[in-house]
């Protein structure tokens, strides 16, 4: 049986033979096991690590709070393409790069309103001064749902 690999014994040479260098993008593409989302999966001492997080750790000696790819390739484990950030920064970056799209309320599975009704809800509140509760009863929605629609927290145009 081969000896177990220990995290504290590793350096960046761990990726040699497990990656292919892409000259066009300067990515190190992981060619071994991948997680269902396409990220590199590294098994070390019976523990699984995402490859891009492991690369960051091996280069900088600390784990990133949120590892952000600058190249947008999930299988890339190039430490020079990984930046540390927060979950909020990573999410904002994904939206800015077009990797994620905001969900539109009308496309959600549990909605029973459409834009015509939403505009009517807002009109009833603004022009007729009806309470959120009264509007909610009329449209069979909760009072908070009605309030969020009226203040623009949901159903943003």
C-alpha atoms as a PDB file:
ATOM      1  CA  UNK A   1       0.000   0.000   0.000  1.00  0.00           C
ATOM      2  CA  UNK A   2       1.459   3.411  -0.944  1.00  0.00           C
ATOM      3  CA  UNK A   3       2.127   5.827   1.928  1.00  0.00           C
ATOM      4  CA  UNK A   4      -0.585   8.337   2.704  1.00  0.00           C
ATOM      5  CA  UNK A   5      -0.105  11.873   1.516  1.00  0.00           C
ATOM      6  CA  UNK A   6      -0.143  14.338   4.397  1.00  0.00           C
ATOM      7  CA  UNK A   7      -1.189  17.945   3.912  1.00  0.00           C
ATOM      8  CA  UNK A   8       1.784  19.295   5.846  1.00  0.00           C
ATOM      9  CA  UNK A   9       4.196  17.431   3.514  1.00  0.00           C
ATOM     10  CA  UNK A  10       2.808  18.960   0.313  1.00  0.00           C
ATOM     11  CA  UNK A  11       4.050  21.794  -1.853  1.00  0.00           C
ATOM     12  CA  UNK A  12       2.963  23.113  -5.238  1.00  0.00           C
ATOM     13  CA  UNK A  13       4.677  20.178  -6.967  1.00  0.00           C
ATOM     14  CA  UNK A  14       1.622  18.155  -5.869  1.00  0.00           C
ATOM     15  CA  UNK A  15      -0.056  19.464  -9.029  1.00  0.00           C
ATOM     16  CA  UNK A  16       2.686  18.110 -11.352  1.00  0.00           C
ATOM     17  CA  UNK A  17       1.269  15.226 -13.381  1.00  0.00           C
ATOM     18  CA  UNK A  18      -2.248  16.052 -12.227  1.00  0.00           C
ATOM     19  CA  UNK A  19      -2.676  19.134 -14.397  1.00  0.00           C
ATOM     20  CA  UNK A  20      -2.259  20.292 -17.977  1.00  0.00           C
ATOM     21  CA  UNK A  21      -1.067  23.806 -18.729  1.00  0.00           C
ATOM     22  CA  UNK A  22      -3.256  25.784 -21.138  1.00  0.00           C
ATOM     23  CA  UNK A  23      -0.953  28.236 -22.946  1.00  0.00           C
ATOM     24  CA  UNK A  24      -3.845  30.352 -24.215  1.00  0.00           C
ATOM     25  CA  UNK A  25      -5.341  31.075 -20.798  1.00  0.00           C
ATOM     26  CA  UNK A  26      -2.343  30.289 -18.561  1.00  0.00           C
ATOM     27  CA  UNK A  27      -4.584  27.951 -16.583  1.00  0.00           C
ATOM     28  CA  UNK A  28      -3.454  24.786 -14.862  1.00  0.00           C
ATOM     29  CA  UNK A  29      -6.321  22.433 -15.674  1.00  0.00           C
ATOM     30  CA  UNK A  30      -6.922  19.618 -13.208  1.00  0.00           C
ATOM     31  CA  UNK A  31      -7.175  16.288 -15.066  1.00  0.00           C
ATOM     32  CA  UNK A  32      -8.020  14.009 -12.154  1.00  0.00           C
ATOM     33  CA  UNK A  33     -11.275  13.668 -10.195  1.00  0.00           C
ATOM     34  CA  UNK A  34     -13.721  16.560 -10.256  1.00  0.00           C
ATOM     35  CA  UNK A  35     -16.662  17.450  -8.035  1.00  0.00           C
ATOM     36  CA  UNK A  36     -20.131  17.518  -9.573  1.00  0.00           C
ATOM     37  CA  UNK A  37     -19.806  21.276 -10.190  1.00  0.00           C
ATOM     38  CA  UNK A  38     -16.614  20.788 -12.215  1.00  0.00           C
ATOM     39  CA  UNK A  39     -14.149  21.887  -9.534  1.00  0.00           C
ATOM     40  CA  UNK A  40     -10.939  19.929  -8.941  1.00  0.00           C
ATOM     41  CA  UNK A  41     -11.222  17.407  -6.095  1.00  0.00           C
ATOM     42  CA  UNK A  42      -8.055  16.436  -4.227  1.00  0.00           C
ATOM     43  CA  UNK A  43      -8.019  13.568  -1.736  1.00  0.00           C
ATOM     44  CA  UNK A  44      -5.380  13.974   0.968  1.00  0.00           C
ATOM     45  CA  UNK A  45      -5.242  11.909   4.177  1.00  0.00           C
ATOM     46  CA  UNK A  46      -8.802  10.695   3.621  1.00  0.00           C
ATOM     47  CA  UNK A  47     -10.076  14.248   3.358  1.00  0.00           C
ATOM     48  CA  UNK A  48     -11.322  16.002   0.210  1.00  0.00           C
ATOM     49  CA  UNK A  49     -10.228  19.490  -0.768  1.00  0.00           C
ATOM     50  CA  UNK A  50     -11.163  21.677  -3.695  1.00  0.00           C
ATOM     51  CA  UNK A  51      -8.060  22.014  -5.849  1.00  0.00           C
ATOM     52  CA  UNK A  52      -8.144  25.800  -6.231  1.00  0.00           C
ATOM     53  CA  UNK A  53      -8.381  26.230  -2.452  1.00  0.00           C
ATOM     54  CA  UNK A  54      -5.532  23.757  -1.938  1.00  0.00           C
ATOM     55  CA  UNK A  55      -3.365  25.627  -4.470  1.00  0.00           C
ATOM     56  CA  UNK A  56      -3.978  28.891  -2.619  1.00  0.00           C
ATOM     57  CA  UNK A  57      -3.069  27.210   0.690  1.00  0.00           C
ATOM     58  CA  UNK A  58       0.111  25.655  -0.672  1.00  0.00           C
ATOM     59  CA  UNK A  59       1.268  28.989  -2.115  1.00  0.00           C
ATOM     60  CA  UNK A  60       0.317  31.367   0.710  1.00  0.00           C
ATOM     61  CA  UNK A  61       0.285  29.081   3.775  1.00  0.00           C
ATOM     62  CA  UNK A  62      -3.289  29.904   4.736  1.00  0.00           C
ATOM     63  CA  UNK A  63      -6.747  28.914   3.566  1.00  0.00           C
ATOM     64  CA  UNK A  64      -8.721  31.526   1.653  1.00  0.00           C
ATOM     65  CA  UNK A  65     -11.973  32.771   3.149  1.00  0.00           C
ATOM     66  CA  UNK A  66     -13.541  32.548  -0.303  1.00  0.00           C
ATOM     67  CA  UNK A  67     -11.365  31.487  -3.232  1.00  0.00           C
ATOM     68  CA  UNK A  68     -12.239  33.523  -6.308  1.00  0.00           C
ATOM     69  CA  UNK A  69     -11.155  32.418  -9.799  1.00  0.00           C
ATOM     70  CA  UNK A  70      -9.954  35.275 -11.989  1.00  0.00           C
ATOM     71  CA  UNK A  71     -10.054  32.995 -15.047  1.00  0.00           C
ATOM     72  CA  UNK A  72     -13.613  31.673 -14.531  1.00  0.00           C
ATOM     73  CA  UNK A  73     -12.545  28.051 -15.147  1.00  0.00           C
ATOM     74  CA  UNK A  74     -13.681  25.727 -12.396  1.00  0.00           C
ATOM     75  CA  UNK A  75     -11.051  23.072 -13.158  1.00  0.00           C
ATOM     76  CA  UNK A  76      -8.197  25.610 -12.945  1.00  0.00           C
ATOM     77  CA  UNK A  77      -5.858  25.168  -9.982  1.00  0.00           C
ATOM     78  CA  UNK A  78      -3.333  27.866 -10.930  1.00  0.00           C
ATOM     79  CA  UNK A  79      -2.561  29.708  -7.712  1.00  0.00           C
ATOM     80  CA  UNK A  80      -1.950  32.907  -9.718  1.00  0.00           C
ATOM     81  CA  UNK A  81      -5.598  32.803 -10.837  1.00  0.00           C
ATOM     82  CA  UNK A  82      -7.007  32.514  -7.308  1.00  0.00           C
ATOM     83  CA  UNK A  83      -7.744  35.537  -5.132  1.00  0.00           C
ATOM     84  CA  UNK A  84      -8.993  35.621  -1.576  1.00  0.00           C
ATOM     85  CA  UNK A  85     -12.228  37.446  -0.944  1.00  0.00           C
ATOM     86  CA  UNK A  86     -15.571  37.256   0.777  1.00  0.00           C
ATOM     87  CA  UNK A  87     -18.683  35.390  -0.278  1.00  0.00           C
ATOM     88  CA  UNK A  88     -20.300  38.711  -1.178  1.00  0.00           C
ATOM     89  CA  UNK A  89     -17.332  39.738  -3.354  1.00  0.00           C
ATOM     90  CA  UNK A  90     -17.351  36.376  -5.113  1.00  0.00           C
ATOM     91  CA  UNK A  91     -21.082  36.578  -5.789  1.00  0.00           C
ATOM     92  CA  UNK A  92     -20.854  40.188  -7.019  1.00  0.00           C
ATOM     93  CA  UNK A  93     -17.930  39.219  -9.247  1.00  0.00           C
ATOM     94  CA  UNK A  94     -19.916  36.303 -10.705  1.00  0.00           C
ATOM     95  CA  UNK A  95     -22.843  38.618 -11.541  1.00  0.00           C
ATOM     96  CA  UNK A  96     -20.507  41.249 -13.024  1.00  0.00           C
ATOM     97  CA  UNK A  97     -18.823  38.669 -15.271  1.00  0.00           C
ATOM     98  CA  UNK A  98     -22.168  37.221 -16.362  1.00  0.00           C
ATOM     99  CA  UNK A  99     -21.526  33.851 -14.724  1.00  0.00           C
ATOM    100  CA  UNK A 100     -24.697  34.194 -12.676  1.00  0.00           C
ATOM    101  CA  UNK A 101     -27.944  35.848 -13.610  1.00  0.00           C
ATOM    102  CA  UNK A 102     -30.390  37.374 -11.157  1.00  0.00           C
ATOM    103  CA  UNK A 103     -33.506  35.291 -10.783  1.00  0.00           C
ATOM    104  CA  UNK A 104     -36.591  37.074 -11.995  1.00  0.00           C
ATOM    105  CA  UNK A 105     -39.589  36.660  -9.670  1.00  0.00           C
ATOM    106  CA  UNK A 106     -41.911  35.565 -12.472  1.00  0.00           C
ATOM    107  CA  UNK A 107     -39.612  32.622 -13.268  1.00  0.00           C
ATOM    108  CA  UNK A 108     -39.681  31.204  -9.741  1.00  0.00           C
ATOM    109  CA  UNK A 109     -41.678  28.029  -9.267  1.00  0.00           C
ATOM    110  CA  UNK A 110     -43.762  29.254  -6.342  1.00  0.00           C
ATOM    111  CA  UNK A 111     -45.001  32.588  -7.646  1.00  0.00           C
ATOM    112  CA  UNK A 112     -48.625  33.121  -8.559  1.00  0.00           C
ATOM    113  CA  UNK A 113     -48.351  36.795  -9.453  1.00  0.00           C
ATOM    114  CA  UNK A 114     -47.527  38.409 -12.758  1.00  0.00           C
ATOM    115  CA  UNK A 115     -46.296  41.896 -13.606  1.00  0.00           C
ATOM    116  CA  UNK A 116     -49.823  43.237 -14.170  1.00  0.00           C
ATOM    117  CA  UNK A 117     -50.811  42.219 -10.634  1.00  0.00           C
ATOM    118  CA  UNK A 118     -47.588  43.602  -9.155  1.00  0.00           C
ATOM    119  CA  UNK A 119     -48.214  46.994 -10.770  1.00  0.00           C
ATOM    120  CA  UNK A 120     -51.792  46.931  -9.446  1.00  0.00           C
ATOM    121  CA  UNK A 121     -50.525  46.114  -5.933  1.00  0.00           C
ATOM    122  CA  UNK A 122     -48.175  49.104  -6.077  1.00  0.00           C
ATOM    123  CA  UNK A 123     -50.926  51.352  -7.434  1.00  0.00           C
ATOM    124  CA  UNK A 124     -53.365  50.322  -4.685  1.00  0.00           C
ATOM    125  CA  UNK A 125     -50.791  51.176  -2.053  1.00  0.00           C
ATOM    126  CA  UNK A 126     -49.562  54.443  -3.587  1.00  0.00           C
ATOM    127  CA  UNK A 127     -52.772  55.911  -4.945  1.00  0.00           C
ATOM    128  CA  UNK A 128     -55.524  54.439  -2.783  1.00  0.00           C
ATOM    129  CA  UNK A 129     -53.531  54.071   0.425  1.00  0.00           C
ATOM    130  CA  UNK A 130     -54.686  50.525   1.127  1.00  0.00           C
ATOM    131  CA  UNK A 131     -52.817  48.676   3.861  1.00  0.00           C
ATOM    132  CA  UNK A 132     -50.423  45.849   3.064  1.00  0.00           C
ATOM    133  CA  UNK A 133     -52.807  43.491   4.831  1.00  0.00           C
ATOM    134  CA  UNK A 134     -55.818  44.577   2.737  1.00  0.00           C
ATOM    135  CA  UNK A 135     -53.868  44.280  -0.505  1.00  0.00           C
ATOM    136  CA  UNK A 136     -52.461  40.940   0.565  1.00  0.00           C
ATOM    137  CA  UNK A 137     -55.933  39.557   1.218  1.00  0.00           C
ATOM    138  CA  UNK A 138     -57.107  40.727  -2.197  1.00  0.00           C
ATOM    139  CA  UNK A 139     -54.227  38.957  -3.985  1.00  0.00           C
ATOM    140  CA  UNK A 140     -53.873  35.977  -1.602  1.00  0.00           C
ATOM    141  CA  UNK A 141     -50.342  36.923  -0.573  1.00  0.00           C
ATOM    142  CA  UNK A 142     -48.788  37.618   2.802  1.00  0.00           C
ATOM    143  CA  UNK A 143     -48.545  41.061   4.304  1.00  0.00           C
ATOM    144  CA  UNK A 144     -44.718  41.046   4.173  1.00  0.00           C
ATOM    145  CA  UNK A 145     -44.748  39.850   0.562  1.00  0.00           C
ATOM    146  CA  UNK A 146     -46.997  42.779  -0.282  1.00  0.00           C
ATOM    147  CA  UNK A 147     -44.749  45.218   1.579  1.00  0.00           C
ATOM    148  CA  UNK A 148     -41.610  43.913  -0.175  1.00  0.00           C
ATOM    149  CA  UNK A 149     -43.316  44.340  -3.554  1.00  0.00           C
ATOM    150  CA  UNK A 150     -44.369  47.898  -2.719  1.00  0.00           C
ATOM    151  CA  UNK A 151     -40.964  49.037  -1.445  1.00  0.00           C
ATOM    152  CA  UNK A 152     -39.188  47.392  -4.385  1.00  0.00           C
ATOM    153  CA  UNK A 153     -37.311  44.753  -2.424  1.00  0.00           C
ATOM    154  CA  UNK A 154     -38.830  42.087  -4.688  1.00  0.00           C
ATOM    155  CA  UNK A 155     -40.204  42.287  -8.199  1.00  0.00           C
ATOM    156  CA  UNK A 156     -37.684  44.900  -9.292  1.00  0.00           C
ATOM    157  CA  UNK A 157     -38.266  46.362 -12.727  1.00  0.00           C
END
